[in-house]
Amino acid sequence: MKSIKLAIQRLTVLLLFILFTQCGSFRNFGTTTVLLLISEREEMSHMYELIKEAELTDLLLSDTPHTFLIPTNAAFDNIQPAIMEEFMPVGDDKSALQAFIKNHFLVDEYNFEALSDMYTAENMIGDALTLRNSVNGIMVNQALIIENDLFADNGTIHVLDQILLPTPGYLEK
């Protein structure tokens, strides 16, 4: 009886090992996208609406994993309206809004621990964002990551307390 119990335990461990190594760690196994996570979180609704307006939803549904730095609604509320107007579409031209949003998306996927070992990370407009450890956590430029490691099948979300403004000349890239 003892040997059967031991065999069942070993089989369980083996099956769990196979499951997690073949299915990509502890993610939701094909059921959650970054776009879905953002759309379901009320505190991210401003960024979600901007992503839709900029017609970038496909990027958040892509199979290529990225890191998404999503500011809270409070972060948007703390920005002067004139600054945000600079990024709003003019007619059909959504390039400024797309650049503003892509400024918050990193080219590669990083969990919180990986970010803590980095000094810079490249975003999707080709700029290097500055990373530094502080007593409160990790700073990305002037923004603090206030919630981290929201995993989806196609990327990782970290929530910011401030928006990240693109560097001057971002549209010329």
N, C-alpha and C. Protein backbone atom coordinates (compact mmCIF):
# COMPACT_ATOMS: atom_id res chain seq x y z
N MET A 1 0.82 -1.20 0.00
CA MET A 1 0.00 0.00 0.00
C MET A 1 0.87 1.27 0.00
N LYS A 2 1.96 1.21 0.78
CA LYS A 2 2.86 2.34 0.86
C LYS A 2 3.52 2.62 -0.49
N SER A 3 3.87 1.58 -1.23
CA SER A 3 4.51 1.74 -2.53
C SER A 3 3.55 2.30 -3.57
N ILE A 4 2.27 1.96 -3.47
CA ILE A 4 1.27 2.52 -4.39
C ILE A 4 1.10 4.01 -4.12
N LYS A 5 1.06 4.39 -2.87
CA LYS A 5 0.92 5.79 -2.49
C LYS A 5 2.12 6.59 -3.00
N LEU A 6 3.33 6.05 -2.83
CA LEU A 6 4.54 6.69 -3.30
C LEU A 6 4.54 6.82 -4.83
N ALA A 7 4.07 5.80 -5.52
CA ALA A 7 4.00 5.83 -6.98
C ALA A 7 3.01 6.90 -7.45
N ILE A 8 1.91 7.04 -6.77
CA ILE A 8 0.91 8.06 -7.13
C ILE A 8 1.48 9.45 -6.89
N GLN A 9 2.20 9.65 -5.81
CA GLN A 9 2.83 10.95 -5.53
C GLN A 9 3.85 11.29 -6.61
N ARG A 10 4.66 10.33 -7.00
CA ARG A 10 5.67 10.58 -8.03
C ARG A 10 5.01 10.88 -9.37
N LEU A 11 3.96 10.15 -9.69
CA LEU A 11 3.23 10.39 -10.94
C LEU A 11 2.61 11.79 -10.93
N THR A 12 2.06 12.21 -9.80
CA THR A 12 1.48 13.54 -9.69
C THR A 12 2.54 14.62 -9.91
N VAL A 13 3.69 14.46 -9.30
CA VAL A 13 4.77 15.42 -9.47
C VAL A 13 5.21 15.46 -10.93
N LEU A 14 5.35 14.30 -11.56
CA LEU A 14 5.74 14.24 -12.96
C LEU A 14 4.71 14.94 -13.85
N LEU A 15 3.44 14.69 -13.62
CA LEU A 15 2.39 15.32 -14.43
C LEU A 15 2.39 16.84 -14.24
N LEU A 16 2.57 17.29 -13.01
CA LEU A 16 2.63 18.74 -12.77
C LEU A 16 3.85 19.35 -13.46
N PHE A 17 4.97 18.67 -13.41
CA PHE A 17 6.17 19.15 -14.10
C PHE A 17 5.92 19.29 -15.59
N ILE A 18 5.34 18.27 -16.20
CA ILE A 18 5.04 18.31 -17.64
C ILE A 18 4.06 19.44 -17.95
N LEU A 19 3.03 19.57 -17.15
CA LEU A 19 2.02 20.61 -17.36
C LEU A 19 2.64 22.00 -17.36
N PHE A 20 3.45 22.30 -16.34
CA PHE A 20 4.00 23.65 -16.21
C PHE A 20 5.15 23.93 -17.16
N THR A 21 5.90 22.93 -17.56
CA THR A 21 6.98 23.19 -18.51
C THR A 21 6.47 23.26 -19.94
N GLN A 22 5.40 22.60 -20.25
CA GLN A 22 4.87 22.61 -21.61
C GLN A 22 3.85 23.72 -21.83
N CYS A 23 3.27 24.23 -20.77
CA CYS A 23 2.20 25.22 -20.92
C CYS A 23 2.61 26.63 -20.52
N GLY A 24 3.87 26.86 -20.26
CA GLY A 24 4.31 28.24 -20.01
C GLY A 24 4.07 28.73 -18.61
N SER A 25 4.60 28.08 -17.62
CA SER A 25 4.58 28.49 -16.23
C SER A 25 3.17 28.50 -15.67
N PHE A 26 2.85 29.49 -14.85
CA PHE A 26 1.58 29.48 -14.14
C PHE A 26 0.52 30.36 -14.79
N ARG A 27 0.63 30.58 -16.05
CA ARG A 27 -0.33 31.42 -16.74
C ARG A 27 -1.66 30.71 -16.90
N ASN A 28 -2.60 31.39 -17.47
CA ASN A 28 -3.96 30.85 -17.57
C ASN A 28 -4.18 29.95 -18.78
N PHE A 29 -3.13 29.49 -19.40
CA PHE A 29 -3.17 28.47 -20.44
C PHE A 29 -4.14 28.78 -21.57
N GLY A 30 -3.89 29.90 -22.25
CA GLY A 30 -4.64 30.19 -23.46
C GLY A 30 -5.97 30.90 -23.25
N THR A 31 -6.23 31.40 -22.08
CA THR A 31 -7.54 32.00 -21.83
C THR A 31 -7.49 33.50 -21.57
N THR A 32 -6.32 34.05 -21.33
CA THR A 32 -6.24 35.46 -20.95
C THR A 32 -5.25 36.21 -21.83
N THR A 33 -5.71 37.30 -22.43
CA THR A 33 -4.82 38.19 -23.18
C THR A 33 -4.62 39.47 -22.38
N VAL A 34 -3.59 40.20 -22.75
CA VAL A 34 -3.34 41.49 -22.11
C VAL A 34 -4.54 42.40 -22.32
N LEU A 35 -5.10 42.39 -23.52
CA LEU A 35 -6.26 43.25 -23.78
C LEU A 35 -7.42 42.90 -22.86
N LEU A 36 -7.66 41.63 -22.64
CA LEU A 36 -8.75 41.21 -21.75
C LEU A 36 -8.48 41.68 -20.32
N LEU A 37 -7.27 41.50 -19.83
CA LEU A 37 -6.95 41.93 -18.47
C LEU A 37 -7.17 43.43 -18.29
N ILE A 38 -6.69 44.21 -19.26
CA ILE A 38 -6.85 45.67 -19.17
C ILE A 38 -8.33 46.06 -19.24
N SER A 39 -9.07 45.41 -20.11
CA SER A 39 -10.48 45.76 -20.27
C SER A 39 -11.31 45.44 -19.03
N GLU A 40 -10.86 44.48 -18.24
CA GLU A 40 -11.61 44.07 -17.06
C GLU A 40 -11.27 44.87 -15.80
N ARG A 41 -10.24 45.70 -15.87
CA ARG A 41 -9.80 46.45 -14.69
C ARG A 41 -10.25 47.90 -14.80
N GLU A 42 -11.16 48.29 -13.95
CA GLU A 42 -11.72 49.65 -13.97
C GLU A 42 -10.62 50.70 -13.85
N GLU A 43 -9.61 50.46 -13.01
CA GLU A 43 -8.55 51.46 -12.80
C GLU A 43 -7.65 51.63 -14.01
N MET A 44 -7.86 50.80 -15.07
CA MET A 44 -7.09 50.92 -16.31
C MET A 44 -7.97 51.35 -17.48
N SER A 45 -9.18 51.78 -17.21
CA SER A 45 -10.14 52.05 -18.28
C SER A 45 -9.73 53.22 -19.18
N HIS A 46 -9.04 54.23 -18.65
CA HIS A 46 -8.60 55.35 -19.50
C HIS A 46 -7.63 54.85 -20.57
N MET A 47 -6.65 54.05 -20.15
CA MET A 47 -5.68 53.53 -21.12
C MET A 47 -6.36 52.58 -22.10
N TYR A 48 -7.28 51.78 -21.62
CA TYR A 48 -8.01 50.86 -22.50
C TYR A 48 -8.75 51.64 -23.59
N GLU A 49 -9.42 52.72 -23.23
CA GLU A 49 -10.14 53.53 -24.20
C GLU A 49 -9.18 54.17 -25.22
N LEU A 50 -8.02 54.62 -24.74
CA LEU A 50 -7.04 55.21 -25.65
C LEU A 50 -6.48 54.15 -26.62
N ILE A 51 -6.25 52.95 -26.13
CA ILE A 51 -5.77 51.86 -26.98
C ILE A 51 -6.77 51.58 -28.09
N LYS A 52 -8.04 51.55 -27.75
CA LYS A 52 -9.08 51.33 -28.77
C LYS A 52 -9.12 52.50 -29.75
N GLU A 53 -9.06 53.72 -29.24
CA GLU A 53 -9.11 54.90 -30.11
C GLU A 53 -7.92 54.94 -31.07
N ALA A 54 -6.76 54.48 -30.60
CA ALA A 54 -5.55 54.47 -31.43
C ALA A 54 -5.49 53.27 -32.37
N GLU A 55 -6.47 52.41 -32.27
CA GLU A 55 -6.54 51.19 -33.10
C GLU A 55 -5.32 50.30 -32.89
N LEU A 56 -4.97 50.10 -31.61
CA LEU A 56 -3.83 49.25 -31.26
C LEU A 56 -4.25 47.97 -30.53
N THR A 57 -5.52 47.62 -30.59
CA THR A 57 -5.96 46.43 -29.87
C THR A 57 -5.28 45.16 -30.38
N ASP A 58 -4.98 45.09 -31.68
CA ASP A 58 -4.31 43.90 -32.22
C ASP A 58 -2.96 43.66 -31.55
N LEU A 59 -2.28 44.73 -31.18
CA LEU A 59 -0.98 44.61 -30.53
C LEU A 59 -1.12 43.89 -29.19
N LEU A 60 -2.23 44.12 -28.50
CA LEU A 60 -2.45 43.51 -27.20
C LEU A 60 -3.10 42.13 -27.31
N LEU A 61 -3.37 41.72 -28.54
CA LEU A 61 -3.87 40.37 -28.80
C LEU A 61 -2.81 39.50 -29.47
N SER A 62 -1.68 40.10 -29.80
CA SER A 62 -0.59 39.43 -30.51
C SER A 62 -0.06 38.23 -29.71
N ASP A 63 0.49 37.26 -30.42
CA ASP A 63 1.10 36.10 -29.77
C ASP A 63 2.49 36.42 -29.23
N THR A 64 3.08 37.52 -29.69
CA THR A 64 4.42 37.90 -29.24
C THR A 64 4.31 38.55 -27.86
N PRO A 65 4.97 37.99 -26.86
CA PRO A 65 4.85 38.56 -25.51
C PRO A 65 5.67 39.84 -25.34
N HIS A 66 5.06 40.80 -24.69
CA HIS A 66 5.69 42.08 -24.39
C HIS A 66 5.40 42.44 -22.93
N THR A 67 5.99 43.53 -22.49
CA THR A 67 5.68 44.09 -21.18
C THR A 67 4.87 45.35 -21.40
N PHE A 68 3.79 45.49 -20.64
CA PHE A 68 2.88 46.61 -20.79
C PHE A 68 2.85 47.38 -19.47
N LEU A 69 3.27 48.64 -19.52
CA LEU A 69 3.28 49.52 -18.36
C LEU A 69 2.03 50.38 -18.43
N ILE A 70 1.03 50.03 -17.65
CA ILE A 70 -0.28 50.67 -17.77
C ILE A 70 -0.51 51.64 -16.62
N PRO A 71 -0.65 52.93 -16.93
CA PRO A 71 -0.95 53.91 -15.88
C PRO A 71 -2.39 53.75 -15.39
N THR A 72 -2.59 54.08 -14.12
CA THR A 72 -3.94 54.05 -13.56
C THR A 72 -4.75 55.25 -14.07
N ASN A 73 -6.04 55.18 -13.88
CA ASN A 73 -6.89 56.32 -14.22
C ASN A 73 -6.47 57.56 -13.43
N ALA A 74 -6.06 57.36 -12.17
CA ALA A 74 -5.62 58.49 -11.34
C ALA A 74 -4.39 59.16 -11.96
N ALA A 75 -3.52 58.37 -12.59
CA ALA A 75 -2.35 58.95 -13.26
C ALA A 75 -2.78 59.89 -14.38
N PHE A 76 -3.79 59.48 -15.14
CA PHE A 76 -4.31 60.34 -16.22
C PHE A 76 -4.99 61.57 -15.64
N ASP A 77 -5.70 61.40 -14.54
CA ASP A 77 -6.40 62.54 -13.93
C ASP A 77 -5.44 63.60 -13.41
N ASN A 78 -4.19 63.20 -13.12
CA ASN A 78 -3.20 64.15 -12.60
C ASN A 78 -2.43 64.88 -13.68
N ILE A 79 -2.71 64.59 -14.94
CA ILE A 79 -2.01 65.25 -16.05
C ILE A 79 -2.85 66.43 -16.53
N GLN A 80 -2.19 67.51 -16.83
CA GLN A 80 -2.90 68.68 -17.34
C GLN A 80 -3.55 68.33 -18.68
N PRO A 81 -4.80 68.73 -18.88
CA PRO A 81 -5.49 68.41 -20.14
C PRO A 81 -4.74 68.87 -21.38
N ALA A 82 -4.02 69.98 -21.31
CA ALA A 82 -3.29 70.48 -22.48
C ALA A 82 -2.19 69.49 -22.90
N ILE A 83 -1.59 68.82 -21.94
CA ILE A 83 -0.56 67.84 -22.27
C ILE A 83 -1.18 66.66 -22.99
N MET A 84 -2.30 66.16 -22.51
CA MET A 84 -2.95 65.01 -23.15
C MET A 84 -3.49 65.38 -24.53
N GLU A 85 -3.93 66.62 -24.70
CA GLU A 85 -4.44 67.05 -26.01
C GLU A 85 -3.37 66.96 -27.09
N GLU A 86 -2.12 67.10 -26.69
CA GLU A 86 -1.00 67.01 -27.63
C GLU A 86 -0.95 65.64 -28.32
N PHE A 87 -1.46 64.63 -27.64
CA PHE A 87 -1.39 63.26 -28.16
C PHE A 87 -2.69 62.79 -28.82
N MET A 88 -3.72 63.58 -28.76
CA MET A 88 -5.00 63.18 -29.31
C MET A 88 -4.99 63.22 -30.84
N PRO A 89 -5.74 62.33 -31.48
CA PRO A 89 -5.75 62.29 -32.95
C PRO A 89 -6.24 63.60 -33.56
N VAL A 90 -5.62 63.93 -34.67
CA VAL A 90 -6.04 65.07 -35.47
C VAL A 90 -6.60 64.49 -36.76
N GLY A 91 -7.91 64.54 -36.90
CA GLY A 91 -8.54 63.90 -38.05
C GLY A 91 -8.29 62.40 -38.00
N ASP A 92 -7.77 61.86 -39.08
CA ASP A 92 -7.46 60.43 -39.13
C ASP A 92 -6.05 60.10 -38.66
N ASP A 93 -5.25 61.11 -38.34
CA ASP A 93 -3.86 60.89 -37.93
C ASP A 93 -3.80 60.51 -36.46
N LYS A 94 -3.53 59.24 -36.21
CA LYS A 94 -3.45 58.73 -34.85
C LYS A 94 -2.01 58.48 -34.41
N SER A 95 -1.04 58.98 -35.17
CA SER A 95 0.36 58.66 -34.91
C SER A 95 0.83 59.16 -33.54
N ALA A 96 0.42 60.34 -33.12
CA ALA A 96 0.85 60.86 -31.82
C ALA A 96 0.27 60.02 -30.69
N LEU A 97 -0.99 59.65 -30.80
CA LEU A 97 -1.62 58.81 -29.77
C LEU A 97 -0.99 57.42 -29.76
N GLN A 98 -0.72 56.87 -30.92
CA GLN A 98 -0.08 55.56 -30.98
C GLN A 98 1.31 55.60 -30.35
N ALA A 99 2.06 56.65 -30.62
CA ALA A 99 3.40 56.79 -30.02
C ALA A 99 3.30 56.94 -28.50
N PHE A 100 2.32 57.73 -28.04
CA PHE A 100 2.12 57.90 -26.60
C PHE A 100 1.87 56.54 -25.95
N ILE A 101 1.01 55.73 -26.54
CA ILE A 101 0.68 54.42 -25.98
C ILE A 101 1.88 53.47 -26.06
N LYS A 102 2.53 53.41 -27.23
CA LYS A 102 3.67 52.51 -27.40
C LYS A 102 4.85 52.90 -26.51
N ASN A 103 4.87 54.13 -26.04
CA ASN A 103 5.88 54.56 -25.08
C ASN A 103 5.77 53.76 -23.79
N HIS A 104 4.58 53.22 -23.52
CA HIS A 104 4.32 52.43 -22.32
C HIS A 104 4.50 50.92 -22.54
N PHE A 105 4.86 50.51 -23.74
CA PHE A 105 4.99 49.09 -24.06
C PHE A 105 6.46 48.77 -24.33
N LEU A 106 6.96 47.76 -23.66
CA LEU A 106 8.35 47.35 -23.85
C LEU A 106 8.44 46.29 -24.94
N VAL A 107 9.56 46.30 -25.64
CA VAL A 107 9.77 45.39 -26.76
C VAL A 107 9.75 43.94 -26.30
N ASP A 108 10.33 43.66 -25.15
CA ASP A 108 10.40 42.29 -24.63
C ASP A 108 9.53 42.13 -23.39
N GLU A 109 9.39 40.90 -22.94
CA GLU A 109 8.60 40.62 -21.75
C GLU A 109 9.50 40.49 -20.54
N TYR A 110 9.15 41.21 -19.46
CA TYR A 110 9.93 41.18 -18.22
C TYR A 110 8.99 41.09 -17.03
N ASN A 111 9.28 40.17 -16.13
CA ASN A 111 8.56 40.18 -14.87
C ASN A 111 9.22 41.21 -13.94
N PHE A 112 8.64 41.41 -12.78
CA PHE A 112 9.11 42.43 -11.85
C PHE A 112 10.55 42.16 -11.42
N GLU A 113 10.87 40.91 -11.14
CA GLU A 113 12.21 40.56 -10.70
C GLU A 113 13.25 40.89 -11.78
N ALA A 114 12.93 40.59 -13.03
CA ALA A 114 13.86 40.90 -14.13
C ALA A 114 14.06 42.40 -14.25
N LEU A 115 12.99 43.18 -14.13
CA LEU A 115 13.11 44.63 -14.21
C LEU A 115 14.00 45.18 -13.10
N SER A 116 13.95 44.55 -11.94
CA SER A 116 14.73 45.05 -10.80
C SER A 116 16.23 44.94 -11.03
N ASP A 117 16.64 44.10 -11.97
CA ASP A 117 18.06 43.93 -12.30
C ASP A 117 18.50 44.76 -13.50
N MET A 118 17.60 45.57 -14.05
CA MET A 118 17.89 46.31 -15.28
C MET A 118 18.04 47.81 -14.98
N TYR A 119 18.76 48.49 -15.88
CA TYR A 119 18.91 49.95 -15.78
C TYR A 119 18.08 50.67 -16.83
N THR A 120 17.89 50.02 -17.97
CA THR A 120 17.06 50.58 -19.04
C THR A 120 16.29 49.45 -19.71
N ALA A 121 15.22 49.84 -20.38
CA ALA A 121 14.44 48.89 -21.18
C ALA A 121 13.92 49.64 -22.40
N GLU A 122 14.00 49.01 -23.56
CA GLU A 122 13.56 49.65 -24.80
C GLU A 122 12.05 49.53 -24.96
N ASN A 123 11.42 50.67 -25.25
CA ASN A 123 9.99 50.64 -25.52
C ASN A 123 9.74 50.51 -27.03
N MET A 124 8.48 50.46 -27.41
CA MET A 124 8.12 50.21 -28.81
C MET A 124 8.28 51.41 -29.73
N ILE A 125 8.67 52.57 -29.19
CA ILE A 125 8.99 53.69 -30.08
C ILE A 125 10.50 53.88 -30.18
N GLY A 126 11.25 52.92 -29.62
CA GLY A 126 12.69 52.94 -29.75
C GLY A 126 13.43 53.73 -28.69
N ASP A 127 12.74 54.21 -27.68
CA ASP A 127 13.39 54.94 -26.59
C ASP A 127 13.78 53.98 -25.47
N ALA A 128 14.81 54.34 -24.75
CA ALA A 128 15.22 53.58 -23.57
C ALA A 128 14.58 54.23 -22.35
N LEU A 129 13.75 53.48 -21.65
CA LEU A 129 13.17 53.97 -20.40
C LEU A 129 14.16 53.65 -19.28
N THR A 130 14.31 54.58 -18.35
CA THR A 130 15.24 54.41 -17.23
C THR A 130 14.54 53.65 -16.11
N LEU A 131 15.22 52.63 -15.62
CA LEU A 131 14.71 51.83 -14.50
C LEU A 131 15.65 52.01 -13.31
N ARG A 132 15.05 52.16 -12.13
CA ARG A 132 15.89 52.22 -10.93
C ARG A 132 15.07 51.71 -9.75
N ASN A 133 15.78 51.09 -8.83
CA ASN A 133 15.16 50.60 -7.61
C ASN A 133 15.09 51.74 -6.61
N SER A 134 13.96 51.85 -5.93
CA SER A 134 13.79 52.85 -4.88
C SER A 134 13.27 52.15 -3.63
N VAL A 135 13.15 52.87 -2.54
CA VAL A 135 12.63 52.27 -1.31
C VAL A 135 11.18 51.82 -1.48
N ASN A 136 10.47 52.42 -2.44
CA ASN A 136 9.06 52.07 -2.67
C ASN A 136 8.86 51.01 -3.75
N GLY A 137 9.91 50.65 -4.46
CA GLY A 137 9.78 49.68 -5.55
C GLY A 137 10.62 50.10 -6.74
N ILE A 138 10.15 49.75 -7.93
CA ILE A 138 10.88 50.08 -9.15
C ILE A 138 10.27 51.33 -9.79
N MET A 139 11.15 52.25 -10.14
CA MET A 139 10.75 53.46 -10.85
C MET A 139 11.04 53.25 -12.33
N VAL A 140 10.10 53.65 -13.18
CA VAL A 140 10.28 53.67 -14.63
C VAL A 140 10.20 55.14 -15.01
N ASN A 141 11.34 55.71 -15.39
CA ASN A 141 11.46 57.17 -15.50
C ASN A 141 10.98 57.77 -14.19
N GLN A 142 9.93 58.56 -14.20
CA GLN A 142 9.43 59.19 -12.97
C GLN A 142 8.28 58.42 -12.34
N ALA A 143 7.82 57.34 -12.96
CA ALA A 143 6.65 56.59 -12.49
C ALA A 143 7.06 55.40 -11.63
N LEU A 144 6.23 55.11 -10.63
CA LEU A 144 6.45 53.98 -9.75
C LEU A 144 5.55 52.82 -10.17
N ILE A 145 6.11 51.62 -10.22
CA ILE A 145 5.28 50.43 -10.45
C ILE A 145 4.57 50.14 -9.13
N ILE A 146 3.24 50.27 -9.13
CA ILE A 146 2.47 50.10 -7.89
C ILE A 146 1.78 48.74 -7.82
N GLU A 147 1.73 48.04 -8.93
CA GLU A 147 1.22 46.67 -8.96
C GLU A 147 1.99 45.97 -10.08
N ASN A 148 2.41 44.74 -9.81
CA ASN A 148 3.28 44.09 -10.79
C ASN A 148 2.86 42.66 -11.08
N ASP A 149 3.45 42.17 -12.18
CA ASP A 149 3.31 40.77 -12.57
C ASP A 149 1.86 40.32 -12.74
N LEU A 150 1.10 41.10 -13.51
CA LEU A 150 -0.22 40.65 -13.95
C LEU A 150 0.02 39.89 -15.25
N PHE A 151 0.02 38.58 -15.16
CA PHE A 151 0.41 37.74 -16.29
C PHE A 151 -0.77 37.43 -17.19
N ALA A 152 -0.52 37.52 -18.48
CA ALA A 152 -1.45 37.08 -19.51
C ALA A 152 -0.68 36.13 -20.41
N ASP A 153 -1.37 35.48 -21.30
CA ASP A 153 -0.70 34.54 -22.20
C ASP A 153 0.23 35.23 -23.17
N ASN A 154 -0.01 36.50 -23.44
CA ASN A 154 0.81 37.21 -24.43
C ASN A 154 1.56 38.40 -23.83
N GLY A 155 1.81 38.37 -22.54
CA GLY A 155 2.60 39.44 -21.96
C GLY A 155 2.37 39.61 -20.47
N THR A 156 3.07 40.60 -19.94
CA THR A 156 3.00 40.91 -18.52
C THR A 156 2.67 42.38 -18.36
N ILE A 157 1.79 42.68 -17.43
CA ILE A 157 1.38 44.05 -17.14
C ILE A 157 1.97 44.46 -15.79
N HIS A 158 2.49 45.68 -15.76
CA HIS A 158 2.88 46.34 -14.51
C HIS A 158 2.10 47.65 -14.48
N VAL A 159 1.52 47.98 -13.36
CA VAL A 159 0.67 49.17 -13.23
C VAL A 159 1.51 50.33 -12.68
N LEU A 160 1.37 51.49 -13.33
CA LEU A 160 2.14 52.70 -12.96
C LEU A 160 1.26 53.73 -12.27
N ASP A 161 1.90 54.52 -11.41
CA ASP A 161 1.18 55.61 -10.74
C ASP A 161 1.21 56.91 -11.54
N GLN A 162 1.98 56.95 -12.64
CA GLN A 162 2.06 58.13 -13.49
C GLN A 162 2.16 57.69 -14.95
N ILE A 163 1.78 58.60 -15.84
CA ILE A 163 1.97 58.29 -17.26
C ILE A 163 3.42 58.57 -17.64
N LEU A 164 3.85 57.96 -18.74
CA LEU A 164 5.20 58.18 -19.27
C LEU A 164 5.08 59.04 -20.52
N LEU A 165 5.63 60.22 -20.49
CA LEU A 165 5.58 61.10 -21.65
C LEU A 165 6.72 60.75 -22.60
N PRO A 166 6.44 60.64 -23.89
CA PRO A 166 7.52 60.37 -24.85
C PRO A 166 8.54 61.51 -24.87
N THR A 167 9.76 61.17 -25.26
CA THR A 167 10.80 62.20 -25.38
C THR A 167 10.49 63.10 -26.57
N PRO A 168 10.97 64.33 -26.54
CA PRO A 168 10.76 65.23 -27.69
C PRO A 168 11.29 64.58 -28.98
N GLY A 169 10.58 64.79 -30.07
CA GLY A 169 10.98 64.24 -31.35
C GLY A 169 10.54 62.81 -31.57
N TYR A 170 9.66 62.31 -30.72
CA TYR A 170 9.23 60.90 -30.82
C TYR A 170 8.55 60.57 -32.14
N LEU A 171 7.94 61.54 -32.80
CA LEU A 171 7.24 61.24 -34.07
C LEU A 171 8.20 61.15 -35.25
N GLU A 172 9.41 61.64 -35.10
CA GLU A 172 10.37 61.61 -36.21
C GLU A 172 11.06 60.26 -36.33
N LYS A 173 10.86 59.38 -35.36
CA LYS A 173 11.56 58.08 -35.38
C LYS A 173 10.94 57.12 -36.35
